[in-house]
Amino acid sequence: ATLDQKRMLLCSIYPSGMPYGQNGYSNTQISAFYTSILALQG
């Protein structure tokens, strides 16, 4: 993707941002819409 497309992709999936610490990503909040899609493959 282009720069703008990368931002839009991540912001649409992680609207609150992506917390990163010493152990990597943790407690990332996925948008309600994408969460409902992921529920289909549980």
All heavy atoms as atom14 arrays in JSON, in Angstrom:
{
  "sequence": "ATLDQKRMLLCSIYPSGMPYGQNGYSNTQISAFYTSILALQG",
  "atom14_mask": [
    [1, 1, 1, 1, 1, 0, 0, 0, 0, 0, 0, 0, 0, 0],
    [1, 1, 1, 1, 1, 1, 1, 0, 0, 0, 0, 0, 0, 0],
    [1, 1, 1, 1, 1, 1, 1, 1, 0, 0, 0, 0, 0, 0],
    [1, 1, 1, 1, 1, 1, 1, 1, 0, 0, 0, 0, 0, 0],
    [1, 1, 1, 1, 1, 1, 1, 1, 1, 0, 0, 0, 0, 0],
    [1, 1, 1, 1, 1, 1, 1, 1, 1, 0, 0, 0, 0, 0],
    [1, 1, 1, 1, 1, 1, 1, 1, 1, 1, 1, 0, 0, 0],
    [1, 1, 1, 1, 1, 1, 1, 1, 0, 0, 0, 0, 0, 0],
    [1, 1, 1, 1, 1, 1, 1, 1, 0, 0, 0, 0, 0, 0],
    [1, 1, 1, 1, 1, 1, 1, 1, 0, 0, 0, 0, 0, 0],
    [1, 1, 1, 1, 1, 1, 0, 0, 0, 0, 0, 0, 0, 0],
    [1, 1, 1, 1, 1, 1, 0, 0, 0, 0, 0, 0, 0, 0],
    [1, 1, 1, 1, 1, 1, 1, 1, 0, 0, 0, 0, 0, 0],
    [1, 1, 1, 1, 1, 1, 1, 1, 1, 1, 1, 1, 0, 0],
    [1, 1, 1, 1, 1, 1, 1, 0, 0, 0, 0, 0, 0, 0],
    [1, 1, 1, 1, 1, 1, 0, 0, 0, 0, 0, 0, 0, 0],
    [1, 1, 1, 1, 0, 0, 0, 0, 0, 0, 0, 0, 0, 0],
    [1, 1, 1, 1, 1, 1, 1, 1, 0, 0, 0, 0, 0, 0],
    [1, 1, 1, 1, 1, 1, 1, 0, 0, 0, 0, 0, 0, 0],
    [1, 1, 1, 1, 1, 1, 1, 1, 1, 1, 1, 1, 0, 0],
    [1, 1, 1, 1, 0, 0, 0, 0, 0, 0, 0, 0, 0, 0],
    [1, 1, 1, 1, 1, 1, 1, 1, 1, 0, 0, 0, 0, 0],
    [1, 1, 1, 1, 1, 1, 1, 1, 0, 0, 0, 0, 0, 0],
    [1, 1, 1, 1, 0, 0, 0, 0, 0, 0, 0, 0, 0, 0],
    [1, 1, 1, 1, 1, 1, 1, 1, 1, 1, 1, 1, 0, 0],
    [1, 1, 1, 1, 1, 1, 0, 0, 0, 0, 0, 0, 0, 0],
    [1, 1, 1, 1, 1, 1, 1, 1, 0, 0, 0, 0, 0, 0],
    [1, 1, 1, 1, 1, 1, 1, 0, 0, 0, 0, 0, 0, 0],
    [1, 1, 1, 1, 1, 1, 1, 1, 1, 0, 0, 0, 0, 0],
    [1, 1, 1, 1, 1, 1, 1, 1, 0, 0, 0, 0, 0, 0],
    [1, 1, 1, 1, 1, 1, 0, 0, 0, 0, 0, 0, 0, 0],
    [1, 1, 1, 1, 1, 0, 0, 0, 0, 0, 0, 0, 0, 0],
    [1, 1, 1, 1, 1, 1, 1, 1, 1, 1, 1, 0, 0, 0],
    [1, 1, 1, 1, 1, 1, 1, 1, 1, 1, 1, 1, 0, 0],
    [1, 1, 1, 1, 1, 1, 1, 0, 0, 0, 0, 0, 0, 0],
    [1, 1, 1, 1, 1, 1, 0, 0, 0, 0, 0, 0, 0, 0],
    [1, 1, 1, 1, 1, 1, 1, 1, 0, 0, 0, 0, 0, 0],
    [1, 1, 1, 1, 1, 1, 1, 1, 0, 0, 0, 0, 0, 0],
    [1, 1, 1, 1, 1, 0, 0, 0, 0, 0, 0, 0, 0, 0],
    [1, 1, 1, 1, 1, 1, 1, 1, 0, 0, 0, 0, 0, 0],
    [1, 1, 1, 1, 1, 1, 1, 1, 1, 0, 0, 0, 0, 0],
    [1, 1, 1, 1, 0, 0, 0, 0, 0, 0, 0, 0, 0, 0]
  ],
  "atom14_positions": [
    [[0.82, -1.21, 0.0], [0.0, 0.0, 0.0], [0.86, 1.26, 0.0], [2.04, 1.23, 0.34], [-0.92, 0.0, 1.22], [0.0, 0.0, 0.0], [0.0, 0.0, 0.0], [0.0, 0.0, 0.0], [0.0, 0.0, 0.0], [0.0, 0.0, 0.0], [0.0, 0.0, 0.0], [0.0, 0.0, 0.0], [0.0, 0.0, 0.0], [0.0, 0.0, 0.0]],
    [[0.23, 2.36, -0.39], [0.88, 3.67, -0.29], [0.86, 4.12, 1.17], [0.24, 3.49, 2.02], [0.17, 4.7, -1.16], [-1.17, 4.89, -0.66], [0.09, 4.24, -2.61], [0.0, 0.0, 0.0], [0.0, 0.0, 0.0], [0.0, 0.0, 0.0], [0.0, 0.0, 0.0], [0.0, 0.0, 0.0], [0.0, 0.0, 0.0], [0.0, 0.0, 0.0]],
    [[1.52, 5.23, 1.44], [1.58, 5.74, 2.81], [0.19, 6.02, 3.36], [-0.16, 5.59, 4.47], [2.44, 7.01, 2.85], [2.56, 7.69, 4.22], [3.22, 6.76, 5.23], [3.35, 8.99, 4.09], [0.0, 0.0, 0.0], [0.0, 0.0, 0.0], [0.0, 0.0, 0.0], [0.0, 0.0, 0.0], [0.0, 0.0, 0.0], [0.0, 0.0, 0.0]],
    [[-0.64, 6.72, 2.6], [-2.0, 7.03, 3.06], [-2.83, 5.78, 3.24], [-3.63, 5.67, 4.18], [-2.69, 7.98, 2.08], [-2.13, 9.39, 2.14], [-1.54, 9.73, 3.19], [-2.26, 10.14, 1.16], [0.0, 0.0, 0.0], [0.0, 0.0, 0.0], [0.0, 0.0, 0.0], [0.0, 0.0, 0.0], [0.0, 0.0, 0.0], [0.0, 0.0, 0.0]],
    [[-2.66, 4.82, 2.33], [-3.42, 3.58, 2.44], [-3.02, 2.78, 3.67], [-3.85, 2.16, 4.32], [-3.22, 2.75, 1.17], [-3.9, 3.34, -0.05], [-3.51, 2.62, -1.32], [-2.53, 1.86, -1.36], [-4.25, 2.87, -2.39], [0.0, 0.0, 0.0], [0.0, 0.0, 0.0], [0.0, 0.0, 0.0], [0.0, 0.0, 0.0], [0.0, 0.0, 0.0]],
    [[-1.74, 2.77, 4.01], [-1.28, 2.09, 5.21], [-1.93, 2.69, 6.45], [-2.38, 1.98, 7.35], [0.25, 2.18, 5.32], [1.0, 1.32, 4.32], [2.51, 1.47, 4.49], [3.26, 0.58, 3.5], [4.73, 0.72, 3.61], [0.0, 0.0, 0.0], [0.0, 0.0, 0.0], [0.0, 0.0, 0.0], [0.0, 0.0, 0.0], [0.0, 0.0, 0.0]],
    [[-1.95, 4.01, 6.51], [-2.54, 4.67, 7.67], [-4.02, 4.38, 7.78], [-4.54, 4.09, 8.85], [-2.28, 6.17, 7.57], [-0.81, 6.56, 7.74], [-0.6, 8.0, 7.38], [0.77, 8.43, 7.6], [1.27, 9.58, 7.16], [0.5, 10.4, 6.47], [2.52, 9.91, 7.41], [0.0, 0.0, 0.0], [0.0, 0.0, 0.0], [0.0, 0.0, 0.0]],
    [[-4.72, 4.47, 6.64], [-6.15, 4.23, 6.66], [-6.45, 2.78, 7.04], [-7.42, 2.51, 7.74], [-6.76, 4.57, 5.3], [-6.71, 6.05, 4.94], [-7.43, 7.13, 6.22], [-9.12, 6.55, 6.22], [0.0, 0.0, 0.0], [0.0, 0.0, 0.0], [0.0, 0.0, 0.0], [0.0, 0.0, 0.0], [0.0, 0.0, 0.0], [0.0, 0.0, 0.0]],
    [[-5.65, 1.85, 6.57], [-5.85, 0.44, 6.91], [-5.71, 0.22, 8.4], [-6.59, -0.37, 9.05], [-4.84, -0.42, 6.14], [-4.82, -1.91, 6.5], [-6.13, -2.56, 6.1], [-3.64, -2.62, 5.85], [0.0, 0.0, 0.0], [0.0, 0.0, 0.0], [0.0, 0.0, 0.0], [0.0, 0.0, 0.0], [0.0, 0.0, 0.0], [0.0, 0.0, 0.0]],
    [[-4.6, 0.71, 8.98], [-4.37, 0.5, 10.41], [-5.37, 1.26, 11.27], [-5.83, 0.75, 12.3], [-2.94, 0.91, 10.77], [-1.81, 0.07, 10.13], [-0.45, 0.62, 10.54], [-1.94, -1.39, 10.53], [0.0, 0.0, 0.0], [0.0, 0.0, 0.0], [0.0, 0.0, 0.0], [0.0, 0.0, 0.0], [0.0, 0.0, 0.0], [0.0, 0.0, 0.0]],
    [[-5.72, 2.47, 10.85], [-6.67, 3.27, 11.65], [-8.07, 2.68, 11.61], [-8.84, 2.84, 12.56], [-6.7, 4.71, 11.17], [-5.19, 5.63, 11.52], [0.0, 0.0, 0.0], [0.0, 0.0, 0.0], [0.0, 0.0, 0.0], [0.0, 0.0, 0.0], [0.0, 0.0, 0.0], [0.0, 0.0, 0.0], [0.0, 0.0, 0.0], [0.0, 0.0, 0.0]],
    [[-8.43, 2.01, 10.52], [-9.76, 1.4, 10.44], [-9.84, 0.13, 11.28], [-10.91, -0.21, 11.78], [-10.1, 1.09, 8.98], [-9.18, 0.14, 8.45], [0.0, 0.0, 0.0], [0.0, 0.0, 0.0], [0.0, 0.0, 0.0], [0.0, 0.0, 0.0], [0.0, 0.0, 0.0], [0.0, 0.0, 0.0], [0.0, 0.0, 0.0], [0.0, 0.0, 0.0]],
    [[-8.72, -0.57, 11.44], [-8.7, -1.78, 12.25], [-8.41, -1.46, 13.71], [-9.02, -2.04, 14.62], [-7.66, -2.78, 11.71], [-8.01, -3.19, 10.28], [-7.57, -4.01, 12.61], [-7.0, -4.11, 9.64], [0.0, 0.0, 0.0], [0.0, 0.0, 0.0], [0.0, 0.0, 0.0], [0.0, 0.0, 0.0], [0.0, 0.0, 0.0], [0.0, 0.0, 0.0]],
    [[-7.49, -0.52, 13.94], [-7.11, -0.14, 15.31], [-7.42, 1.36, 15.53], [-6.52, 2.19, 15.51], [-5.62, -0.39, 15.56], [-5.16, -1.8, 15.24], [-4.49, -2.08, 14.05], [-5.38, -2.84, 16.13], [-4.05, -3.36, 13.76], [-4.95, -4.12, 15.85], [-4.28, -4.37, 14.65], [-3.85, -5.64, 14.37], [0.0, 0.0, 0.0], [0.0, 0.0, 0.0]],
    [[-8.69, 1.72, 15.69], [-9.05, 3.15, 15.79], [-8.45, 3.85, 17.0], [-8.29, 5.06, 16.99], [-10.58, 3.11, 15.89], [-10.9, 1.75, 16.4], [-9.86, 0.84, 15.85], [0.0, 0.0, 0.0], [0.0, 0.0, 0.0], [0.0, 0.0, 0.0], [0.0, 0.0, 0.0], [0.0, 0.0, 0.0], [0.0, 0.0, 0.0], [0.0, 0.0, 0.0]],
    [[-8.09, 3.1, 18.05], [-7.51, 3.72, 19.25], [-5.99, 3.68, 19.26], [-5.36, 4.06, 20.25], [-8.05, 3.01, 20.51], [-9.45, 3.1, 20.57], [0.0, 0.0, 0.0], [0.0, 0.0, 0.0], [0.0, 0.0, 0.0], [0.0, 0.0, 0.0], [0.0, 0.0, 0.0], [0.0, 0.0, 0.0], [0.0, 0.0, 0.0], [0.0, 0.0, 0.0]],
    [[-5.39, 3.23, 18.16], [-3.94, 3.12, 18.11], [-3.48, 1.72, 18.52], [-4.27, 0.86, 18.9], [0.0, 0.0, 0.0], [0.0, 0.0, 0.0], [0.0, 0.0, 0.0], [0.0, 0.0, 0.0], [0.0, 0.0, 0.0], [0.0, 0.0, 0.0], [0.0, 0.0, 0.0], [0.0, 0.0, 0.0], [0.0, 0.0, 0.0], [0.0, 0.0, 0.0]],
    [[-2.16, 1.5, 18.44], [-1.57, 0.19, 18.74], [-0.52, 0.35, 19.84], [0.6, 0.8, 19.58], [-0.94, -0.38, 17.46], [-1.89, -0.46, 16.28], [-1.07, -0.95, 14.73], [-0.6, -2.65, 15.1], [0.0, 0.0, 0.0], [0.0, 0.0, 0.0], [0.0, 0.0, 0.0], [0.0, 0.0, 0.0], [0.0, 0.0, 0.0], [0.0, 0.0, 0.0]],
    [[-0.86, 0.0, 21.09], [0.09, 0.14, 22.21], [1.29, -0.81, 22.04], [1.12, -2.0, 21.75], [-0.74, -0.24, 23.44], [-2.16, -0.12, 23.0], [-2.17, -0.47, 21.55], [0.0, 0.0, 0.0], [0.0, 0.0, 0.0], [0.0, 0.0, 0.0], [0.0, 0.0, 0.0], [0.0, 0.0, 0.0], [0.0, 0.0, 0.0], [0.0, 0.0, 0.0]],
    [[2.51, -0.28, 22.23], [3.72, -1.08, 22.09], [4.62, -0.84, 23.3], [4.85, 0.3, 23.71], [4.47, -0.69, 20.81], [5.59, -1.63, 20.44], [5.38, -2.68, 19.57], [6.88, -1.45, 20.96], [6.41, -3.54, 19.22], [7.91, -2.3, 20.62], [7.68, -3.35, 19.75], [8.7, -4.21, 19.41], [0.0, 0.0, 0.0], [0.0, 0.0, 0.0]],
    [[5.1, -1.95, 23.87], [5.98, -1.87, 25.02], [7.23, -2.7, 24.83], [7.58, -3.09, 23.71], [0.0, 0.0, 0.0], [0.0, 0.0, 0.0], [0.0, 0.0, 0.0], [0.0, 0.0, 0.0], [0.0, 0.0, 0.0], [0.0, 0.0, 0.0], [0.0, 0.0, 0.0], [0.0, 0.0, 0.0], [0.0, 0.0, 0.0], [0.0, 0.0, 0.0]],
    [[7.89, -3.02, 25.94], [9.14, -3.79, 25.86], [8.92, -5.18, 25.29], [9.8, -5.74, 24.65], [9.77, -3.88, 27.25], [10.34, -2.57, 27.76], [10.96, -2.73, 29.13], [10.33, -3.25, 30.07], [12.2, -2.28, 29.28], [0.0, 0.0, 0.0], [0.0, 0.0, 0.0], [0.0, 0.0, 0.0], [0.0, 0.0, 0.0], [0.0, 0.0, 0.0]],
    [[7.74, -5.73, 25.51], [7.44, -7.08, 25.03], [6.65, -7.08, 23.72], [6.05, -8.1, 23.36], [6.68, -7.86, 26.1], [7.49, -8.03, 27.38], [8.7, -8.24, 27.32], [6.83, -7.94, 28.52], [0.0, 0.0, 0.0], [0.0, 0.0, 0.0], [0.0, 0.0, 0.0], [0.0, 0.0, 0.0], [0.0, 0.0, 0.0], [0.0, 0.0, 0.0]],
    [[6.64, -5.96, 23.06], [5.92, -5.88, 21.79], [4.51, -5.33, 21.95], [4.17, -4.68, 22.94], [0.0, 0.0, 0.0], [0.0, 0.0, 0.0], [0.0, 0.0, 0.0], [0.0, 0.0, 0.0], [0.0, 0.0, 0.0], [0.0, 0.0, 0.0], [0.0, 0.0, 0.0], [0.0, 0.0, 0.0], [0.0, 0.0, 0.0], [0.0, 0.0, 0.0]],
    [[3.66, -5.61, 20.98], [2.28, -5.14, 21.01], [1.49, -5.89, 22.09], [1.68, -7.09, 22.3], [1.59, -5.36, 19.66], [2.01, -4.39, 18.59], [2.72, -4.83, 17.47], [1.7, -3.04, 18.69], [3.1, -3.94, 16.47], [2.08, -2.15, 17.7], [2.78, -2.6, 16.6], [3.17, -1.72, 15.62], [0.0, 0.0, 0.0], [0.0, 0.0, 0.0]],
    [[0.58, -5.17, 22.74], [-0.29, -5.8, 23.74], [-1.55, -4.97, 23.91], [-1.52, -3.74, 23.8], [0.44, -5.94, 25.08], [0.79, -4.67, 25.59], [0.0, 0.0, 0.0], [0.0, 0.0, 0.0], [0.0, 0.0, 0.0], [0.0, 0.0, 0.0], [0.0, 0.0, 0.0], [0.0, 0.0, 0.0], [0.0, 0.0, 0.0], [0.0, 0.0, 0.0]],
    [[-2.65, -5.65, 24.16], [-3.95, -5.0, 24.41], [-4.37, -4.08, 23.27], [-4.91, -2.99, 23.5], [-3.9, -4.2, 25.72], [-3.64, -5.07, 26.93], [-4.1, -6.22, 26.98], [-2.89, -4.56, 27.88], [0.0, 0.0, 0.0], [0.0, 0.0, 0.0], [0.0, 0.0, 0.0], [0.0, 0.0, 0.0], [0.0, 0.0, 0.0], [0.0, 0.0, 0.0]],
    [[-4.12, -4.51, 22.05], [-4.58, -3.72, 20.91], [-6.09, -3.88, 20.76], [-6.61, -5.0, 20.75], [-3.89, -4.17, 19.61], [-4.05, -5.6, 19.46], [-2.41, -3.84, 19.65], [0.0, 0.0, 0.0], [0.0, 0.0, 0.0], [0.0, 0.0, 0.0], [0.0, 0.0, 0.0], [0.0, 0.0, 0.0], [0.0, 0.0, 0.0], [0.0, 0.0, 0.0]],
    [[-6.8, -2.76, 20.67], [-8.25, -2.77, 20.56], [-8.66, -2.73, 19.09], [-8.4, -1.75, 18.4], [-8.84, -1.57, 21.31], [-8.54, -1.56, 22.79], [-9.17, -2.73, 23.53], [-10.31, -3.11, 23.24], [-8.43, -3.3, 24.47], [0.0, 0.0, 0.0], [0.0, 0.0, 0.0], [0.0, 0.0, 0.0], [0.0, 0.0, 0.0], [0.0, 0.0, 0.0]],
    [[-9.27, -3.8, 18.61], [-9.71, -3.88, 17.23], [-11.1, -3.27, 17.11], [-11.92, -3.38, 18.01], [-9.71, -5.34, 16.75], [-8.3, -5.93, 16.86], [-10.21, -5.46, 15.31], [-8.21, -7.38, 16.49], [0.0, 0.0, 0.0], [0.0, 0.0, 0.0], [0.0, 0.0, 0.0], [0.0, 0.0, 0.0], [0.0, 0.0, 0.0], [0.0, 0.0, 0.0]],
    [[-11.38, -2.6, 16.0], [-12.67, -1.93, 15.8], [-13.8, -2.94, 15.88], [-13.65, -4.13, 15.59], [-12.7, -1.23, 14.44], [-12.64, -2.18, 13.39], [0.0, 0.0, 0.0], [0.0, 0.0, 0.0], [0.0, 0.0, 0.0], [0.0, 0.0, 0.0], [0.0, 0.0, 0.0], [0.0, 0.0, 0.0], [0.0, 0.0, 0.0], [0.0, 0.0, 0.0]],
    [[-14.98, -2.45, 16.27], [-16.15, -3.32, 16.43], [-16.53, -3.99, 15.11], [-16.92, -5.16, 15.09], [-17.32, -2.51, 16.98], [0.0, 0.0, 0.0], [0.0, 0.0, 0.0], [0.0, 0.0, 0.0], [0.0, 0.0, 0.0], [0.0, 0.0, 0.0], [0.0, 0.0, 0.0], [0.0, 0.0, 0.0], [0.0, 0.0, 0.0], [0.0, 0.0, 0.0]],
    [[-16.41, -3.25, 14.02], [-16.77, -3.82, 12.73], [-15.86, -4.99, 12.36], [-16.32, -6.07, 11.97], [-16.7, -2.75, 11.65], [-16.93, -3.27, 10.26], [-18.19, -3.67, 9.85], [-15.89, -3.38, 9.35], [-18.41, -4.17, 8.57], [-16.09, -3.87, 8.08], [-17.36, -4.26, 7.69], [0.0, 0.0, 0.0], [0.0, 0.0, 0.0], [0.0, 0.0, 0.0]],
    [[-14.55, -4.78, 12.48], [-13.63, -5.86, 12.1], [-13.7, -7.02, 13.09], [-13.51, -8.17, 12.73], [-12.2, -5.33, 11.99], [-11.3, -6.23, 11.18], [-11.33, -6.21, 9.8], [-10.43, -7.13, 11.79], [-10.54, -7.04, 9.04], [-9.62, -7.97, 11.05], [-9.68, -7.92, 9.66], [-8.9, -8.77, 8.92], [0.0, 0.0, 0.0], [0.0, 0.0, 0.0]],
    [[-14.01, -6.7, 14.35], [-14.17, -7.76, 15.35], [-15.33, -8.68, 14.97], [-15.27, -9.91, 15.14], [-14.42, -7.16, 16.74], [-13.29, -6.37, 17.11], [-14.62, -8.25, 17.78], [0.0, 0.0, 0.0], [0.0, 0.0, 0.0], [0.0, 0.0, 0.0], [0.0, 0.0, 0.0], [0.0, 0.0, 0.0], [0.0, 0.0, 0.0], [0.0, 0.0, 0.0]],
    [[-16.41, -8.09, 14.46], [-17.57, -8.9, 14.07], [-17.23, -9.81, 12.9], [-17.78, -10.92, 12.79], [-18.74, -7.98, 13.7], [-18.43, -7.21, 12.55], [0.0, 0.0, 0.0], [0.0, 0.0, 0.0], [0.0, 0.0, 0.0], [0.0, 0.0, 0.0], [0.0, 0.0, 0.0], [0.0, 0.0, 0.0], [0.0, 0.0, 0.0], [0.0, 0.0, 0.0]],
    [[-16.32, -9.37, 12.03], [-15.9, -10.23, 10.93], [-15.02, -11.36, 11.46], [-15.17, -12.53, 11.07], [-15.12, -9.42, 9.87], [-16.0, -8.32, 9.29], [-14.63, -10.32, 8.74], [-15.28, -7.43, 8.3], [0.0, 0.0, 0.0], [0.0, 0.0, 0.0], [0.0, 0.0, 0.0], [0.0, 0.0, 0.0], [0.0, 0.0, 0.0], [0.0, 0.0, 0.0]],
    [[-14.11, -11.02, 12.37], [-13.22, -12.05, 12.93], [-14.0, -13.11, 13.7], [-13.56, -14.26, 13.81], [-12.2, -11.39, 13.87], [-11.1, -10.55, 13.21], [-10.23, -9.9, 14.27], [-10.25, -11.41, 12.28], [0.0, 0.0, 0.0], [0.0, 0.0, 0.0], [0.0, 0.0, 0.0], [0.0, 0.0, 0.0], [0.0, 0.0, 0.0], [0.0, 0.0, 0.0]],
    [[-15.17, -12.72, 14.25], [-15.97, -13.68, 15.0], [-16.43, -14.84, 14.13], [-16.71, -15.93, 14.63], [-17.18, -12.97, 15.61], [0.0, 0.0, 0.0], [0.0, 0.0, 0.0], [0.0, 0.0, 0.0], [0.0, 0.0, 0.0], [0.0, 0.0, 0.0], [0.0, 0.0, 0.0], [0.0, 0.0, 0.0], [0.0, 0.0, 0.0], [0.0, 0.0, 0.0]],
    [[-16.49, -14.61, 12.82], [-16.93, -15.66, 11.9], [-15.93, -16.81, 11.81], [-16.28, -17.91, 11.43], [-17.16, -15.08, 10.5], [-18.27, -14.04, 10.37], [-18.29, -13.48, 8.96], [-19.61, -14.63, 10.73], [0.0, 0.0, 0.0], [0.0, 0.0, 0.0], [0.0, 0.0, 0.0], [0.0, 0.0, 0.0], [0.0, 0.0, 0.0], [0.0, 0.0, 0.0]],
    [[-14.66, -16.55, 12.11], [-13.67, -17.61, 11.97], [-13.19, -18.12, 13.32], [-12.15, -18.77, 13.4], [-12.48, -17.12, 11.15], [-11.63, -16.03, 11.76], [-10.52, -15.59, 10.8], [-10.57, -15.87, 9.62], [-9.52, -14.92, 11.33], [0.0, 0.0, 0.0], [0.0, 0.0, 0.0], [0.0, 0.0, 0.0], [0.0, 0.0, 0.0], [0.0, 0.0, 0.0]],
    [[-13.95, -17.84, 14.38], [-13.6, -18.37, 15.69], [-13.85, -19.87, 15.77], [-14.48, -20.48, 14.9], [0.0, 0.0, 0.0], [0.0, 0.0, 0.0], [0.0, 0.0, 0.0], [0.0, 0.0, 0.0], [0.0, 0.0, 0.0], [0.0, 0.0, 0.0], [0.0, 0.0, 0.0], [0.0, 0.0, 0.0], [0.0, 0.0, 0.0], [0.0, 0.0, 0.0]]
  ]
}
